N, C-alpha and C. Protein backbone atom coordinates (compact mmCIF):
# COMPACT_ATOMS: atom_id res chain seq x y z
N MET A 1 -14.14 34.09 6.68
CA MET A 1 -13.77 33.42 5.68
C MET A 1 -12.32 32.94 6.00
N ASP A 2 -12.21 31.85 5.25
CA ASP A 2 -10.91 30.87 5.78
C ASP A 2 -10.09 31.25 4.72
N SER A 3 -9.08 31.58 4.88
CA SER A 3 -7.90 32.24 3.45
C SER A 3 -6.85 30.94 3.28
N ARG A 4 -6.79 30.21 2.59
CA ARG A 4 -5.69 29.27 1.89
C ARG A 4 -4.45 29.94 2.04
N PRO A 5 -2.66 29.56 2.33
CA PRO A 5 -1.76 29.85 2.17
C PRO A 5 -1.61 29.49 0.52
N LEU A 6 -0.75 30.27 0.30
CA LEU A 6 -0.83 30.43 -1.74
C LEU A 6 0.06 28.97 -1.67
N LEU A 7 -0.46 28.17 -2.62
CA LEU A 7 0.04 26.36 -2.35
C LEU A 7 -0.17 25.34 -2.42
N ASP A 8 -1.01 26.09 -1.02
CA ASP A 8 -1.55 25.33 0.17
C ASP A 8 -2.02 24.11 -0.88
N SER A 9 -1.74 22.47 -0.36
CA SER A 9 -2.06 21.60 -1.29
C SER A 9 -2.80 20.83 -0.46
N ASP A 10 -3.40 20.90 0.48
CA ASP A 10 -4.15 19.38 1.70
C ASP A 10 -4.01 18.17 1.44
N GLY A 11 -2.51 18.46 1.70
CA GLY A 11 -1.90 16.57 1.75
C GLY A 11 -0.74 16.46 0.06
N CYS A 12 -1.44 17.18 -0.91
CA CYS A 12 -0.96 16.22 -2.07
C CYS A 12 0.23 17.66 -2.43
N VAL A 13 1.16 16.60 -3.22
CA VAL A 13 2.88 17.20 -3.55
C VAL A 13 2.52 18.69 -4.47
N VAL A 14 2.79 20.04 -4.37
CA VAL A 14 2.97 20.86 -5.18
C VAL A 14 4.33 21.12 -6.16
N VAL A 15 4.21 20.93 -7.12
CA VAL A 15 5.27 20.94 -8.40
C VAL A 15 4.99 22.18 -9.14
N ASP A 16 5.85 22.98 -9.41
CA ASP A 16 5.69 24.29 -10.21
C ASP A 16 5.68 23.97 -11.70
N ASN A 17 5.15 24.38 -12.11
CA ASN A 17 4.63 24.39 -13.86
C ASN A 17 5.77 23.73 -14.45
N ASP A 18 6.50 24.37 -14.15
CA ASP A 18 8.79 24.45 -15.06
C ASP A 18 8.54 22.56 -14.80
N THR A 19 8.45 22.58 -13.53
CA THR A 19 9.06 21.47 -13.02
C THR A 19 8.30 20.39 -13.58
N LEU A 20 7.28 20.33 -13.52
CA LEU A 20 6.04 19.93 -14.44
C LEU A 20 5.84 19.27 -15.83
N VAL A 21 5.87 20.65 -16.58
CA VAL A 21 6.07 20.34 -17.66
C VAL A 21 7.96 19.56 -18.22
N ALA A 22 8.52 19.52 -17.59
CA ALA A 22 9.90 18.70 -17.50
C ALA A 22 9.62 17.51 -17.56
N LEU A 23 8.61 17.25 -16.30
CA LEU A 23 8.44 16.03 -16.08
C LEU A 23 7.37 14.26 -17.06
N ALA A 24 7.37 15.80 -17.86
CA ALA A 24 5.40 15.62 -18.49
C ALA A 24 5.15 14.08 -18.86
N ALA A 25 6.87 14.33 -19.73
CA ALA A 25 6.81 12.81 -20.87
C ALA A 25 7.13 11.59 -20.30
N TYR A 26 6.81 11.79 -18.92
CA TYR A 26 7.26 10.81 -17.69
C TYR A 26 6.38 10.23 -16.90
N ILE A 27 5.20 11.16 -17.13
CA ILE A 27 4.52 10.43 -15.76
C ILE A 27 2.91 10.46 -16.86
N THR A 28 2.17 9.43 -16.52
CA THR A 28 0.77 8.98 -16.83
C THR A 28 0.16 9.20 -15.82
N THR A 29 -0.81 10.04 -15.78
CA THR A 29 -1.84 10.57 -15.00
C THR A 29 -2.20 9.39 -14.69
N GLY A 30 -2.60 8.80 -13.02
CA GLY A 30 -3.26 7.57 -12.43
C GLY A 30 -2.27 6.60 -12.70
N GLN A 31 -1.05 6.53 -12.79
CA GLN A 31 0.09 5.67 -12.97
C GLN A 31 0.96 5.59 -12.51
N THR A 32 1.43 7.19 -12.62
CA THR A 32 2.94 6.95 -12.59
C THR A 32 3.03 7.02 -11.26
N HIS A 33 4.39 6.17 -10.37
CA HIS A 33 3.78 6.45 -8.60
C HIS A 33 5.98 7.23 -8.53
N ILE A 34 4.92 8.36 -7.54
CA ILE A 34 6.11 9.50 -6.79
C ILE A 34 6.74 9.11 -5.45
N ILE A 35 8.01 8.70 -5.74
CA ILE A 35 8.55 8.50 -4.16
C ILE A 35 8.93 9.90 -3.67
N LEU A 36 8.98 10.51 -2.76
CA LEU A 36 9.20 11.22 -1.61
C LEU A 36 10.01 10.93 -1.12
N ALA A 37 11.78 11.46 -0.51
CA ALA A 37 12.20 11.06 0.39
C ALA A 37 12.76 12.00 1.22
N ASP A 38 13.73 11.89 2.09
CA ASP A 38 14.26 13.39 2.85
C ASP A 38 16.11 13.26 2.25
N SER A 39 16.29 11.75 1.84
CA SER A 39 17.29 11.53 1.56
C SER A 39 17.74 10.39 0.44
N PRO A 40 18.51 10.18 -1.06
CA PRO A 40 18.71 9.47 -2.17
C PRO A 40 18.13 8.21 -2.01
N LEU A 41 17.37 7.86 -2.74
CA LEU A 41 17.42 6.26 -3.15
C LEU A 41 18.19 5.65 -3.30
N GLN A 42 18.30 4.28 -2.41
CA GLN A 42 19.10 3.49 -2.32
C GLN A 42 18.97 2.30 -3.46
N TRP A 43 19.63 1.74 -4.70
CA TRP A 43 19.68 0.98 -5.18
C TRP A 43 20.37 -0.16 -5.36
N VAL A 44 19.20 -1.23 -5.13
CA VAL A 44 20.16 -2.07 -5.14
C VAL A 44 19.81 -3.47 -6.58
N PRO A 45 20.79 -4.33 -6.49
CA PRO A 45 20.99 -4.86 -7.35
C PRO A 45 19.63 -6.01 -7.92
N ALA A 46 19.32 -6.29 -9.41
CA ALA A 46 17.91 -6.39 -9.13
C ALA A 46 17.82 -7.95 -8.75
N SER A 47 18.59 -9.04 -8.52
CA SER A 47 18.07 -10.30 -8.11
C SER A 47 18.31 -10.07 -6.47
N ASP A 48 18.42 -9.20 -6.07
CA ASP A 48 17.81 -8.60 -4.83
C ASP A 48 16.15 -7.88 -4.90
N ALA A 49 16.22 -8.04 -5.36
CA ALA A 49 14.71 -6.45 -5.83
C ALA A 49 14.10 -7.77 -6.29
N SER A 50 14.46 -8.91 -7.15
CA SER A 50 13.69 -9.56 -7.65
C SER A 50 12.87 -10.44 -6.18
N GLU A 51 14.50 -11.16 -5.39
CA GLU A 51 13.82 -11.82 -4.60
C GLU A 51 12.82 -11.49 -3.36
N ARG A 52 12.77 -10.01 -2.71
CA ARG A 52 12.20 -9.55 -2.06
C ARG A 52 11.10 -9.26 -3.22
N GLY A 53 10.62 -9.29 -4.24
CA GLY A 53 9.82 -8.97 -4.56
C GLY A 53 8.41 -10.22 -4.36
N GLN A 54 9.31 -11.08 -4.65
CA GLN A 54 9.05 -12.94 -4.73
C GLN A 54 7.94 -12.91 -3.71
N SER A 55 8.81 -12.61 -2.72
CA SER A 55 8.09 -13.03 -1.63
C SER A 55 7.25 -12.07 -0.78
N LEU A 56 6.85 -10.54 -1.51
CA LEU A 56 6.24 -9.92 -0.38
C LEU A 56 5.42 -10.49 -1.45
N ALA A 57 5.38 -10.55 -3.09
CA ALA A 57 4.23 -11.62 -3.60
C ALA A 57 3.44 -12.52 -2.90
N THR A 58 4.95 -13.72 -2.52
CA THR A 58 3.81 -15.15 -1.77
C THR A 58 3.39 -14.31 -0.48
N ALA A 59 3.55 -13.06 0.06
CA ALA A 59 2.77 -13.11 1.36
C ALA A 59 1.30 -12.20 0.55
N PHE A 60 1.95 -11.50 0.09
CA PHE A 60 0.96 -10.77 -0.30
C PHE A 60 -0.38 -11.81 -0.63
N ASN A 61 -0.17 -12.94 -1.45
CA ASN A 61 -1.18 -13.94 -2.56
C ASN A 61 -1.66 -14.77 -1.38
N GLY A 62 -1.38 -14.46 -0.06
CA GLY A 62 -1.38 -15.78 0.76
C GLY A 62 -2.49 -15.49 2.13
N TRP A 63 -2.99 -13.64 2.11
CA TRP A 63 -3.64 -13.06 2.70
C TRP A 63 -4.71 -13.24 1.73
N ARG A 64 -4.49 -12.66 0.50
CA ARG A 64 -5.64 -13.07 -0.63
C ARG A 64 -6.38 -14.38 -0.23
N GLU A 65 -5.50 -15.55 -1.22
CA GLU A 65 -5.63 -17.08 -0.44
C GLU A 65 -6.80 -17.26 0.49
N ALA A 66 -6.54 -16.75 1.81
CA ALA A 66 -6.59 -16.90 3.45
C ALA A 66 -8.09 -16.31 3.05
N TRP A 67 -7.77 -14.75 2.78
CA TRP A 67 -9.05 -14.09 2.91
C TRP A 67 -10.43 -14.77 1.89
N SER A 68 -10.35 -14.95 0.69
CA SER A 68 -10.78 -15.94 -0.44
C SER A 68 -11.51 -17.24 0.27
N ALA A 69 -10.69 -17.80 1.53
CA ALA A 69 -11.42 -18.74 1.59
C ALA A 69 -11.87 -18.61 3.08
N ARG A 70 -12.11 -17.62 3.66
CA ARG A 70 -12.74 -17.37 4.66
C ARG A 70 -12.23 -18.01 5.67
N ASN A 71 -10.49 -17.75 5.63
CA ASN A 71 -10.12 -19.12 6.51
C ASN A 71 -9.53 -17.37 7.97
N ASN A 72 -10.65 -17.12 8.33
CA ASN A 72 -10.16 -16.02 9.37
C ASN A 72 -8.58 -15.83 10.39
N PRO A 73 -8.20 -17.19 10.70
CA PRO A 73 -7.27 -16.81 11.47
C PRO A 73 -6.31 -16.52 10.82
N GLN A 74 -6.18 -17.46 9.57
CA GLN A 74 -4.63 -17.46 8.50
C GLN A 74 -4.81 -15.87 8.01
N TYR A 75 -6.19 -15.37 7.72
CA TYR A 75 -5.92 -13.90 7.22
C TYR A 75 -5.58 -13.03 7.81
N LEU A 76 -5.87 -13.26 9.23
CA LEU A 76 -5.71 -12.21 10.57
C LEU A 76 -4.49 -12.17 10.89
N SER A 77 -4.06 -13.53 10.67
CA SER A 77 -2.41 -13.60 10.51
C SER A 77 -1.46 -12.22 9.72
N TYR A 78 -2.05 -12.12 8.73
CA TYR A 78 -1.34 -11.17 8.48
C TYR A 78 -1.34 -9.79 9.10
N TYR A 79 -2.19 -9.29 9.82
CA TYR A 79 -2.13 -8.01 9.99
C TYR A 79 -1.15 -8.09 11.56
N ALA A 80 -0.35 -7.06 11.49
CA ALA A 80 0.16 -6.97 12.85
C ALA A 80 -0.36 -6.54 13.78
N ASP A 81 0.48 -6.83 15.47
CA ASP A 81 -0.26 -6.99 16.58
C ASP A 81 -1.14 -5.50 17.33
N ASP A 82 -0.35 -4.01 16.49
CA ASP A 82 0.00 -3.00 16.50
C ASP A 82 -1.32 -2.31 15.42
N PHE A 83 -2.09 -2.93 14.58
CA PHE A 83 -2.60 -2.81 13.16
C PHE A 83 -3.98 -1.84 13.90
N SER A 84 -4.03 -0.83 13.05
CA SER A 84 -5.08 0.26 13.45
C SER A 84 -5.94 0.34 12.30
N ASP A 85 -6.68 0.75 11.74
CA ASP A 85 -7.68 1.08 10.97
C ASP A 85 -8.26 2.61 11.23
N PHE A 86 -7.35 2.92 11.81
CA PHE A 86 -7.65 4.46 12.40
C PHE A 86 -8.78 4.75 13.56
N SER A 87 -10.37 3.35 13.56
CA SER A 87 -11.24 3.21 13.84
C SER A 87 -11.20 2.64 14.53
N ARG A 88 -10.38 1.28 14.62
CA ARG A 88 -10.13 0.27 15.19
C ARG A 88 -8.97 -0.26 15.86
N ASN A 89 -9.17 -0.83 17.05
CA ASN A 89 -7.32 -1.86 16.98
C ASN A 89 -8.08 -3.07 16.15
N ARG A 90 -6.01 -3.83 16.56
CA ARG A 90 -6.43 -5.12 15.85
C ARG A 90 -7.77 -6.25 16.16
N GLN A 91 -7.58 -5.80 17.59
CA GLN A 91 -8.50 -7.11 18.41
C GLN A 91 -10.10 -6.81 17.38
N GLN A 92 -10.77 -5.31 17.57
CA GLN A 92 -11.94 -5.11 16.76
C GLN A 92 -11.73 -5.32 15.72
N TRP A 93 -11.14 -4.90 14.99
CA TRP A 93 -10.77 -5.20 13.87
C TRP A 93 -11.04 -6.70 12.78
N ALA A 94 -10.78 -7.63 13.86
CA ALA A 94 -10.32 -8.72 14.18
C ALA A 94 -11.87 -9.84 14.16
N ASP A 95 -12.76 -9.29 15.44
CA ASP A 95 -14.08 -9.19 15.63
C ASP A 95 -15.03 -8.78 13.96
N TYR A 96 -14.53 -7.85 13.72
CA TYR A 96 -15.18 -7.23 12.89
C TYR A 96 -15.15 -7.51 11.36
N LYS A 97 -13.55 -8.28 11.20
CA LYS A 97 -13.46 -8.77 9.96
C LYS A 97 -14.35 -10.13 9.86
N SER A 98 -14.53 -11.02 10.50
CA SER A 98 -14.98 -12.40 10.96
C SER A 98 -16.31 -11.93 11.15
N ARG A 99 -16.63 -11.29 11.67
CA ARG A 99 -18.36 -11.15 11.51
C ARG A 99 -18.82 -11.05 10.33
N VAL A 100 -17.51 -9.82 9.02
CA VAL A 100 -18.08 -9.36 8.01
C VAL A 100 -18.23 -11.23 7.43
N ASN A 101 -17.13 -11.68 7.39
CA ASN A 101 -16.57 -12.88 6.63
C ASN A 101 -17.16 -13.81 6.43
N ASN A 102 -17.43 -14.32 7.92
CA ASN A 102 -18.65 -15.86 8.18
C ASN A 102 -19.53 -15.09 7.60
N SER A 103 -20.65 -14.14 7.49
CA SER A 103 -21.61 -14.01 6.85
C SER A 103 -21.91 -14.00 5.94
N LYS A 104 -20.95 -14.37 4.89
CA LYS A 104 -20.50 -14.33 3.45
C LYS A 104 -20.68 -15.61 2.64
N ARG A 105 -21.41 -17.13 2.39
CA ARG A 105 -21.18 -17.63 1.59
C ARG A 105 -19.69 -18.01 1.09
N TRP A 106 -19.35 -17.30 -0.13
CA TRP A 106 -17.93 -16.94 -0.58
C TRP A 106 -17.21 -16.27 -0.79
N ILE A 107 -15.92 -15.62 -1.04
CA ILE A 107 -15.76 -14.37 -0.74
C ILE A 107 -14.56 -15.30 -2.05
N ASP A 108 -14.45 -14.15 -2.82
CA ASP A 108 -13.45 -14.04 -4.32
C ASP A 108 -12.60 -12.96 -3.97
N VAL A 109 -11.47 -13.39 -3.88
CA VAL A 109 -10.49 -11.45 -3.77
C VAL A 109 -9.36 -11.97 -5.14
N ASN A 110 -9.64 -10.80 -5.83
CA ASN A 110 -8.88 -10.98 -7.27
C ASN A 110 -7.76 -9.73 -7.27
N ALA A 111 -6.29 -9.36 -7.90
CA ALA A 111 -6.21 -8.86 -7.45
C ALA A 111 -4.76 -8.37 -9.18
N THR A 112 -4.87 -7.48 -9.82
CA THR A 112 -3.81 -7.34 -11.07
C THR A 112 -3.40 -6.42 -10.52
N GLU A 113 -2.32 -5.85 -11.54
CA GLU A 113 -1.44 -4.71 -11.82
C GLU A 113 -0.84 -4.64 -10.23
N VAL A 114 -0.48 -5.54 -9.37
CA VAL A 114 -0.08 -5.53 -7.96
C VAL A 114 1.54 -4.66 -8.11
N SER A 115 1.12 -3.85 -7.46
CA SER A 115 2.71 -3.00 -6.51
C SER A 115 3.27 -2.96 -5.76
N PHE A 116 4.58 -3.11 -5.03
CA PHE A 116 5.36 -3.00 -4.44
C PHE A 116 6.25 -1.64 -3.87
N PHE A 117 5.91 -1.12 -3.38
CA PHE A 117 6.31 0.37 -2.84
C PHE A 117 7.21 0.33 -1.51
N ALA A 118 8.97 0.00 -1.51
CA ALA A 118 9.30 0.13 0.60
C ALA A 118 9.17 1.62 0.41
N ASP A 119 9.32 2.12 1.52
CA ASP A 119 9.55 3.47 2.14
C ASP A 119 10.74 3.55 1.92
N PRO A 120 11.58 4.36 1.60
CA PRO A 120 13.25 4.58 1.41
C PRO A 120 13.57 4.47 2.57
N ALA A 121 12.98 5.45 3.63
CA ALA A 121 13.14 5.62 4.86
C ALA A 121 12.88 4.77 6.37
N HIS A 122 11.85 3.88 5.73
CA HIS A 122 12.06 2.64 6.64
C HIS A 122 11.38 1.56 5.34
N PRO A 123 12.57 1.00 5.23
CA PRO A 123 12.65 -0.59 3.83
C PRO A 123 11.41 -1.96 4.72
N GLU A 124 11.22 -2.07 5.53
CA GLU A 124 10.00 -2.89 5.97
C GLU A 124 9.05 -2.34 6.13
N LEU A 125 8.95 -1.05 5.63
CA LEU A 125 6.97 -0.23 5.46
C LEU A 125 7.10 -0.53 3.80
N VAL A 126 6.15 -1.86 3.35
CA VAL A 126 5.67 -1.53 1.80
C VAL A 126 4.11 -1.48 1.99
N THR A 127 4.06 -0.04 0.80
CA THR A 127 2.82 0.25 0.42
C THR A 127 2.81 -0.87 -1.03
N VAL A 128 1.16 -1.63 -0.79
CA VAL A 128 0.88 -2.40 -1.92
C VAL A 128 -0.26 -1.79 -3.05
N ARG A 129 -0.12 -1.32 -4.03
CA ARG A 129 -0.91 -1.61 -5.38
C ARG A 129 -1.55 -2.18 -5.94
N TYR A 130 -3.00 -2.48 -5.76
CA TYR A 130 -3.16 -3.19 -6.46
C TYR A 130 -4.98 -2.64 -7.33
């Protein structure tokens, strides 16, 4: 029989009840994002964040539009050379996505409630949620 350590979480964040109660007024299940960092977050002027956000939105929309247009070379240009989906390298992914995209008569990729979150330790890494 397997035994799990107290507060083991399978990768989730464990928060004690007192802290959770203190944060409850600020948390909406399924909507509140919690960023964990080893060092304090770096706040930037709103104008800088707005400029970066606009740049990220432009890139995201370009990716989405290229996919919708079935423009495989443009769509795949948004993926890094060292991209992996954990089972395929970039070339294998490109072959797979080209095969799937080319089999479609049309593709319509829409996104709502788009959010961008930069990794505090590696600001060049951004998570996009939509």
